[in-house]
Amino acid sequence: MMEVTEHSKDDIQYPVARRSLIDGIVVLFFSKNTGTVIKTSPDSEMIFGDISTDWISCSEETIWEPVDITITG
């Protein structure tokens, strides 16, 4: 089970999670532009586990919403 909640806008300490304001996917970033999809949405062509090294910067507030994630199970 995974819970996604809003995150404060403190300094970035990787890994961080961001939710796309465009299509709702959640990406776990390991650096400014490198991350993996950990939650998909019906509006996205991305699938769980997709990895990219050239995401738009995770600090771009017009694209990404900071979220906290808790992974259990």
Protein backbone atom coordinates (compact mmCIF):
# COMPACT_ATOMS: atom_id res chain seq x y z
CA MET A 1 0.00 0.00 0.00
CA MET A 2 1.22 3.53 -0.73
CA GLU A 3 0.00 6.80 0.75
CA VAL A 4 0.68 10.11 -1.05
CA THR A 5 0.35 13.40 0.85
CA GLU A 6 1.43 17.02 0.30
CA HIS A 7 5.01 17.92 1.21
CA SER A 8 6.51 21.11 2.61
CA LYS A 9 8.70 23.26 0.33
CA ASP A 10 11.94 22.85 2.33
CA ASP A 11 15.36 22.28 0.79
CA ILE A 12 15.45 19.27 -1.51
CA GLN A 13 17.07 16.18 -0.01
CA TYR A 14 16.95 13.25 -2.42
CA PRO A 15 15.12 11.02 -2.97
CA VAL A 16 11.96 13.17 -3.23
CA ALA A 17 8.53 12.48 -4.66
CA ARG A 18 6.70 14.80 -7.03
CA ARG A 19 3.21 14.58 -8.55
CA SER A 20 2.75 15.91 -12.08
CA LEU A 21 0.30 18.79 -12.33
CA ILE A 22 -0.23 17.79 -15.97
CA ASP A 23 -1.20 14.13 -15.80
CA GLY A 24 -1.09 13.11 -12.12
CA ILE A 25 1.78 10.61 -12.23
CA VAL A 26 4.06 10.43 -9.17
CA VAL A 27 7.81 10.26 -9.76
CA LEU A 28 10.46 9.40 -7.18
CA PHE A 29 13.45 11.62 -8.02
CA PHE A 30 17.00 10.54 -7.16
CA SER A 31 18.50 13.79 -8.51
CA LYS A 32 17.22 16.98 -10.14
CA ASN A 33 16.24 15.26 -13.42
CA THR A 34 16.50 11.51 -12.73
CA GLY A 35 13.62 9.48 -11.36
CA THR A 36 11.23 6.59 -11.71
CA VAL A 37 7.44 6.49 -11.98
CA ILE A 38 5.95 5.05 -8.80
CA LYS A 39 2.27 5.84 -9.46
CA THR A 40 0.52 6.19 -12.81
CA SER A 41 -2.73 7.82 -13.84
CA PRO A 42 -5.30 7.16 -16.57
CA ASP A 43 -4.23 10.40 -18.30
CA SER A 44 -0.59 9.31 -18.68
CA GLU A 45 1.29 7.22 -21.22
CA MET A 46 3.89 6.40 -18.54
CA ILE A 47 3.81 3.05 -16.73
CA PHE A 48 4.93 2.03 -13.24
CA GLY A 49 8.70 1.64 -13.16
CA ASP A 50 9.49 3.87 -16.15
CA ILE A 51 12.89 5.50 -15.53
CA SER A 52 14.17 8.70 -17.06
CA THR A 53 17.32 10.76 -16.66
CA ASP A 54 15.84 13.82 -18.34
CA TRP A 55 12.65 14.71 -16.46
CA ILE A 56 11.85 18.42 -16.23
CA SER A 57 13.54 19.58 -13.01
CA CYS A 58 11.77 18.33 -9.90
CA SER A 59 11.97 21.87 -8.49
CA GLU A 60 9.84 23.29 -11.34
CA GLU A 61 6.68 24.30 -9.46
CA THR A 62 4.57 24.79 -12.61
CA ILE A 63 5.08 21.10 -13.50
CA TRP A 64 5.54 19.26 -10.17
CA GLU A 65 3.74 19.32 -6.84
CA PRO A 66 5.86 18.20 -3.86
CA VAL A 67 4.38 15.15 -2.09
CA ASP A 68 5.44 12.86 0.74
CA ILE A 69 5.17 9.12 0.24
CA THR A 70 5.00 6.29 2.73
CA ILE A 71 5.59 2.79 1.45
CA THR A 72 4.49 -0.12 3.64
CA GLY A 73 3.91 -3.75 3.15
